[in-house]
C-alpha cells in the first residue's frame, strides 16, 4: 500500500512476466508536474544549514513532503536546492490542488 501523501500514490502499476513464469508488479513512471501550473503558496530563501526536509516540515507540516518542493523547482538533484544560501525556492500547492488554468490553455 502506498500512503496517500506519497508522490507515488496515484501512479498506476504494471505487471511484467519473467522468463520463468513469475510475475512482477511495478510502478509506472510518475509524470512530473509542470511547475508553472502549480499554485504558489510562498517563497523560501535558503540559509546556511537549511535542509529540504526541514523546509517541507515548516511549509507543509510534514518533512516527507520535500519532494513537492523539488517538483516545484524542477530539481533533478534535490540536495542542490539548499546548497547555495540566498537561493529562492518556490513553495507550491500540490498539483491536485492547483487547478487554475495557465493563460492561453484550456481549463482541466
N, C-alpha and C. Protein backbone atom coordinates (compact mmCIF):
# COMPACT_ATOMS: atom_id res chain seq x y z
N UNK A 1 0.84 -1.19 0.00
CA UNK A 1 0.00 0.00 0.00
C UNK A 1 0.88 1.23 0.00
N UNK A 2 0.55 2.14 -0.85
CA UNK A 2 1.29 3.39 -0.93
C UNK A 2 0.49 4.46 -0.19
N UNK A 3 1.14 5.14 0.73
CA UNK A 3 0.48 6.15 1.55
C UNK A 3 -0.09 7.27 0.68
N UNK A 4 -1.22 7.85 1.08
CA UNK A 4 -1.84 8.93 0.30
C UNK A 4 -0.96 10.17 0.14
N UNK A 5 -0.01 10.38 1.03
CA UNK A 5 0.87 11.55 0.92
C UNK A 5 2.13 11.28 0.09
N UNK A 6 2.27 10.06 -0.40
CA UNK A 6 3.44 9.70 -1.20
C UNK A 6 3.34 10.27 -2.61
N UNK A 7 4.47 10.61 -3.19
CA UNK A 7 4.47 11.08 -4.58
C UNK A 7 4.02 9.99 -5.55
N UNK A 8 4.03 8.75 -5.10
CA UNK A 8 3.66 7.62 -5.95
C UNK A 8 2.22 7.15 -5.74
N UNK A 9 1.46 7.84 -4.91
CA UNK A 9 0.12 7.40 -4.54
C UNK A 9 -0.79 7.15 -5.75
N UNK A 10 -0.79 8.02 -6.71
CA UNK A 10 -1.71 7.88 -7.85
C UNK A 10 -1.04 7.31 -9.09
N UNK A 11 0.17 6.79 -8.95
CA UNK A 11 0.88 6.21 -10.09
C UNK A 11 0.35 4.80 -10.34
N UNK A 12 -0.06 4.52 -11.57
CA UNK A 12 -0.58 3.18 -11.85
C UNK A 12 0.53 2.13 -11.83
N UNK A 13 0.12 0.87 -11.67
CA UNK A 13 1.08 -0.23 -11.68
C UNK A 13 1.01 -0.95 -13.01
N UNK A 14 2.05 -1.73 -13.28
CA UNK A 14 2.11 -2.59 -14.45
C UNK A 14 2.64 -3.94 -13.99
N UNK A 15 2.39 -4.96 -14.77
CA UNK A 15 2.84 -6.30 -14.43
C UNK A 15 3.72 -6.82 -15.56
N UNK A 16 4.82 -7.42 -15.18
CA UNK A 16 5.77 -7.99 -16.15
C UNK A 16 5.93 -9.47 -15.82
N UNK A 17 5.86 -10.33 -16.83
CA UNK A 17 6.05 -11.76 -16.62
C UNK A 17 7.49 -12.11 -16.97
N UNK A 18 8.19 -12.72 -16.03
CA UNK A 18 9.57 -13.13 -16.22
C UNK A 18 9.63 -14.42 -17.03
N UNK A 19 10.81 -14.75 -17.53
CA UNK A 19 11.00 -15.95 -18.35
C UNK A 19 10.59 -17.22 -17.61
N UNK A 20 10.73 -17.23 -16.30
CA UNK A 20 10.38 -18.44 -15.52
C UNK A 20 8.90 -18.48 -15.15
N UNK A 21 8.11 -17.52 -15.64
CA UNK A 21 6.68 -17.52 -15.39
C UNK A 21 6.23 -16.67 -14.21
N UNK A 22 7.17 -16.24 -13.37
CA UNK A 22 6.79 -15.38 -12.24
C UNK A 22 6.39 -14.01 -12.76
N UNK A 23 5.48 -13.38 -12.04
CA UNK A 23 5.08 -12.02 -12.42
C UNK A 23 5.60 -11.03 -11.38
N UNK A 24 5.98 -9.89 -11.89
CA UNK A 24 6.48 -8.82 -11.05
C UNK A 24 5.61 -7.60 -11.30
N UNK A 25 5.05 -7.06 -10.25
CA UNK A 25 4.26 -5.83 -10.35
C UNK A 25 5.14 -4.66 -9.97
N UNK A 26 5.09 -3.60 -10.76
CA UNK A 26 5.91 -2.42 -10.50
C UNK A 26 5.12 -1.16 -10.82
N UNK A 27 5.64 -0.05 -10.32
CA UNK A 27 5.02 1.24 -10.61
C UNK A 27 5.46 1.73 -11.98
N UNK A 28 4.55 2.34 -12.68
CA UNK A 28 4.91 3.00 -13.94
C UNK A 28 5.64 4.30 -13.59
N UNK A 29 6.15 4.98 -14.58
CA UNK A 29 6.82 6.25 -14.34
C UNK A 29 5.83 7.27 -13.81
N UNK A 30 6.32 8.12 -12.92
CA UNK A 30 5.48 9.19 -12.39
C UNK A 30 5.72 10.44 -13.25
N UNK A 31 4.69 10.92 -13.92
CA UNK A 31 4.89 12.16 -14.71
C UNK A 31 5.10 13.33 -13.76
N UNK A 32 6.08 14.13 -14.06
CA UNK A 32 6.36 15.30 -13.23
C UNK A 32 5.39 16.42 -13.57
N UNK A 33 4.91 17.12 -12.55
CA UNK A 33 4.00 18.23 -12.82
C UNK A 33 4.75 19.39 -13.47
N UNK A 34 4.04 20.19 -14.20
CA UNK A 34 4.63 21.40 -14.78
C UNK A 34 4.59 22.47 -13.70
N UNK A 35 5.77 22.91 -13.22
CA UNK A 35 5.81 23.87 -12.11
C UNK A 35 4.98 25.13 -12.36
N UNK A 36 4.89 25.58 -13.59
CA UNK A 36 4.13 26.80 -13.86
C UNK A 36 2.64 26.60 -13.64
N UNK A 37 2.19 25.37 -13.54
CA UNK A 37 0.78 25.08 -13.27
C UNK A 37 0.47 24.92 -11.78
N UNK A 38 1.50 24.95 -10.96
CA UNK A 38 1.30 24.77 -9.52
C UNK A 38 1.05 26.12 -8.86
N UNK A 39 0.01 26.19 -8.04
CA UNK A 39 -0.32 27.43 -7.34
C UNK A 39 0.74 27.71 -6.27
N UNK A 40 1.27 28.90 -6.27
CA UNK A 40 2.35 29.28 -5.34
C UNK A 40 1.77 29.66 -3.98
N UNK A 41 2.32 29.03 -2.94
CA UNK A 41 1.98 29.38 -1.56
C UNK A 41 2.89 30.48 -1.04
N UNK A 42 4.14 30.41 -1.45
CA UNK A 42 5.12 31.38 -0.98
C UNK A 42 6.50 31.07 -1.52
N UNK A 43 7.47 31.68 -0.90
CA UNK A 43 8.85 31.54 -1.33
C UNK A 43 9.71 31.35 -0.09
N UNK A 44 10.71 30.50 -0.20
CA UNK A 44 11.64 30.29 0.91
C UNK A 44 13.03 30.68 0.42
N UNK A 45 13.70 31.53 1.19
CA UNK A 45 15.08 31.91 0.85
C UNK A 45 16.00 31.02 1.67
N UNK A 46 16.84 30.28 0.97
CA UNK A 46 17.74 29.32 1.60
C UNK A 46 18.79 30.04 2.45
N UNK A 47 19.01 29.52 3.66
CA UNK A 47 20.08 30.00 4.53
C UNK A 47 21.03 28.84 4.79
N UNK A 48 22.24 29.14 5.22
CA UNK A 48 23.23 28.11 5.50
C UNK A 48 22.65 27.10 6.49
N UNK A 49 22.82 25.84 6.19
CA UNK A 49 22.33 24.79 7.08
C UNK A 49 20.92 24.32 6.79
N UNK A 50 20.23 24.98 5.86
CA UNK A 50 18.88 24.54 5.51
C UNK A 50 18.90 23.13 4.94
N UNK A 51 17.83 22.39 5.22
CA UNK A 51 17.63 21.07 4.65
C UNK A 51 16.22 21.03 4.08
N UNK A 52 16.07 20.34 2.98
CA UNK A 52 14.78 20.29 2.31
C UNK A 52 13.69 19.69 3.20
N UNK A 53 14.03 18.69 4.00
CA UNK A 53 13.02 18.10 4.88
C UNK A 53 12.54 19.09 5.94
N UNK A 54 13.44 19.93 6.42
CA UNK A 54 13.05 20.93 7.42
C UNK A 54 12.20 22.04 6.81
N UNK A 55 12.52 22.40 5.57
CA UNK A 55 11.73 23.40 4.86
C UNK A 55 10.32 22.85 4.62
N UNK A 56 10.24 21.58 4.21
CA UNK A 56 8.93 20.94 3.98
C UNK A 56 8.13 20.87 5.27
N UNK A 57 8.79 20.56 6.37
CA UNK A 57 8.09 20.49 7.65
C UNK A 57 7.51 21.86 8.01
N UNK A 58 8.26 22.90 7.73
CA UNK A 58 7.80 24.26 8.04
C UNK A 58 6.59 24.65 7.19
N UNK A 59 6.66 24.39 5.89
CA UNK A 59 5.61 24.82 4.97
C UNK A 59 4.43 23.88 4.90
N UNK A 60 4.70 22.56 4.94
CA UNK A 60 3.63 21.58 4.76
C UNK A 60 3.27 20.83 6.04
N UNK A 61 4.06 21.02 7.08
CA UNK A 61 3.80 20.29 8.32
C UNK A 61 4.22 18.84 8.27
N UNK A 62 5.00 18.47 7.25
CA UNK A 62 5.42 17.07 7.07
C UNK A 62 6.76 17.05 6.33
N UNK A 63 7.83 16.61 7.00
CA UNK A 63 9.14 16.60 6.35
C UNK A 63 9.22 15.67 5.15
N UNK A 64 8.33 14.69 5.07
CA UNK A 64 8.36 13.76 3.94
C UNK A 64 7.74 14.34 2.67
N UNK A 65 7.28 15.58 2.74
CA UNK A 65 6.73 16.25 1.56
C UNK A 65 7.78 17.08 0.82
N UNK A 66 9.04 16.86 1.14
CA UNK A 66 10.11 17.62 0.49
C UNK A 66 10.11 17.41 -1.03
N UNK A 67 9.59 16.30 -1.50
CA UNK A 67 9.50 16.06 -2.94
C UNK A 67 8.63 17.09 -3.63
N UNK A 68 7.67 17.68 -2.91
CA UNK A 68 6.82 18.71 -3.52
C UNK A 68 7.65 19.96 -3.86
N UNK A 69 8.61 20.27 -3.01
CA UNK A 69 9.48 21.43 -3.25
C UNK A 69 10.40 21.12 -4.44
N UNK A 70 10.89 19.90 -4.50
CA UNK A 70 11.74 19.50 -5.64
C UNK A 70 10.95 19.60 -6.94
N UNK A 71 9.71 19.11 -6.96
CA UNK A 71 8.88 19.20 -8.16
C UNK A 71 8.63 20.66 -8.56
N UNK A 72 8.33 21.51 -7.58
CA UNK A 72 8.01 22.91 -7.86
C UNK A 72 9.20 23.70 -8.39
N UNK A 73 10.41 23.18 -8.17
CA UNK A 73 11.62 23.88 -8.59
C UNK A 73 12.42 23.11 -9.64
N UNK A 74 11.76 22.14 -10.29
CA UNK A 74 12.37 21.33 -11.35
C UNK A 74 13.71 20.73 -10.95
N UNK A 75 13.80 20.22 -9.75
CA UNK A 75 15.06 19.70 -9.24
C UNK A 75 15.24 18.23 -9.58
N UNK A 76 16.30 17.92 -10.28
CA UNK A 76 16.66 16.52 -10.52
C UNK A 76 17.56 16.02 -9.39
N UNK A 77 18.24 16.94 -8.75
CA UNK A 77 19.10 16.63 -7.60
C UNK A 77 18.64 17.53 -6.44
N UNK A 78 17.70 17.06 -5.65
CA UNK A 78 17.10 17.88 -4.60
C UNK A 78 18.09 18.53 -3.64
N UNK A 79 19.20 17.86 -3.34
CA UNK A 79 20.18 18.45 -2.42
C UNK A 79 20.75 19.77 -2.94
N UNK A 80 20.76 19.94 -4.25
CA UNK A 80 21.28 21.18 -4.83
C UNK A 80 20.38 22.38 -4.51
N UNK A 81 19.13 22.13 -4.17
CA UNK A 81 18.22 23.23 -3.86
C UNK A 81 18.66 24.02 -2.63
N UNK A 82 19.33 23.37 -1.70
CA UNK A 82 19.74 24.05 -0.46
C UNK A 82 21.25 24.25 -0.39
N UNK A 83 21.96 24.00 -1.48
CA UNK A 83 23.42 24.09 -1.47
C UNK A 83 23.94 25.53 -1.41
N UNK A 84 23.17 26.47 -1.96
CA UNK A 84 23.66 27.86 -2.04
C UNK A 84 22.73 28.78 -1.26
N UNK A 85 23.23 29.36 -0.15
CA UNK A 85 22.41 30.33 0.59
C UNK A 85 21.99 31.48 -0.32
N UNK A 86 20.76 31.93 -0.12
CA UNK A 86 20.22 33.01 -0.94
C UNK A 86 19.33 32.53 -2.07
N UNK A 87 19.40 31.26 -2.41
CA UNK A 87 18.53 30.74 -3.47
C UNK A 87 17.08 30.85 -3.03
N UNK A 88 16.22 31.21 -3.95
CA UNK A 88 14.80 31.34 -3.67
C UNK A 88 14.07 30.10 -4.19
N UNK A 89 13.36 29.45 -3.29
CA UNK A 89 12.61 28.25 -3.65
C UNK A 89 11.12 28.54 -3.71
N UNK A 90 10.49 28.09 -4.77
CA UNK A 90 9.04 28.19 -4.88
C UNK A 90 8.42 27.14 -3.98
N UNK A 91 7.44 27.53 -3.20
CA UNK A 91 6.67 26.62 -2.37
C UNK A 91 5.26 26.64 -2.95
N UNK A 92 4.79 25.48 -3.39
CA UNK A 92 3.51 25.43 -4.10
C UNK A 92 2.53 24.47 -3.46
N UNK A 93 1.29 24.63 -3.88
CA UNK A 93 0.26 23.65 -3.53
C UNK A 93 0.51 22.39 -4.34
N UNK A 94 -0.01 21.26 -3.89
CA UNK A 94 0.11 20.04 -4.68
C UNK A 94 -0.58 20.20 -6.04
N UNK A 95 -0.16 19.43 -7.01
CA UNK A 95 -0.73 19.51 -8.35
C UNK A 95 -2.25 19.32 -8.32
N UNK A 96 -2.73 18.39 -7.50
CA UNK A 96 -4.17 18.11 -7.45
C UNK A 96 -4.96 19.27 -6.86
N UNK A 97 -4.29 20.18 -6.17
CA UNK A 97 -4.96 21.35 -5.58
C UNK A 97 -4.73 22.61 -6.42
N UNK A 98 -3.95 22.49 -7.48
CA UNK A 98 -3.61 23.64 -8.32
C UNK A 98 -4.36 23.54 -9.64
N UNK A 99 -5.64 23.74 -9.59
CA UNK A 99 -6.48 23.51 -10.77
C UNK A 99 -6.65 24.73 -11.67
N UNK A 100 -6.05 25.85 -11.33
CA UNK A 100 -6.22 27.05 -12.16
C UNK A 100 -5.53 26.86 -13.49
N UNK A 101 -6.19 27.21 -14.60
CA UNK A 101 -5.58 27.06 -15.92
C UNK A 101 -4.47 28.08 -16.16
N UNK A 102 -3.54 27.71 -17.00
CA UNK A 102 -2.46 28.60 -17.41
C UNK A 102 -3.00 29.46 -18.54
N UNK A 103 -2.60 30.71 -18.59
CA UNK A 103 -3.08 31.63 -19.63
C UNK A 103 -2.88 31.02 -21.01
N UNK A 104 -3.92 31.05 -21.81
CA UNK A 104 -3.82 30.53 -23.17
C UNK A 104 -4.06 29.04 -23.28
N UNK A 105 -4.27 28.36 -22.16
CA UNK A 105 -4.52 26.91 -22.20
C UNK A 105 -5.90 26.61 -21.66
N UNK A 106 -6.51 25.54 -22.15
CA UNK A 106 -7.84 25.20 -21.65
C UNK A 106 -7.81 24.75 -20.21
N UNK A 107 -8.91 24.97 -19.51
CA UNK A 107 -9.01 24.51 -18.11
C UNK A 107 -9.03 22.98 -18.11
N UNK A 108 -8.54 22.41 -16.99
CA UNK A 108 -8.53 20.95 -16.87
C UNK A 108 -9.79 20.48 -16.20
